[in-house]
Amino acid sequence: HKDACAAAAAAKAAQKDGGIAQSLKQQVNLERTAFLAGLRSMYWLNTREIPHTTNYKSLLDMMVGLGLSYLTHLNKSANCNYTSEGIMREMVLVLSDGPRHEV
């Protein structure tokens, strides 16, 4: 009976705050927001002709220091981060390719 009551209480709490699905949705939104901010930062560096390979990471670090803590979601793990030279090359390629849309 205690297990059934605990399961019912957990289900009720999940309905109230969204449970795992809501947490996952918030995480995805933070990662998307962080990626778009990183892309905007790369765009800013490129439009001002500031060398991105040496300034992108330090620009993001400064932004985190100013309180944009969601940018920490750009570093997912040691082998997956959105501040590597490879992703910088891809961002520059995407930003220089095709029509200009607001980023």
Foldseek 3Di string as FASTA:
>chain_A
DVVVVVVVVVVVVCVVQVPPVVVVVVLVVLLVVLVVVLLVLLVVCVVVVHDCLPCSVVVLVVVVVVPSVSNVSQPPDPVGGCNDPVNSVVSVVVCVDDDDDDD
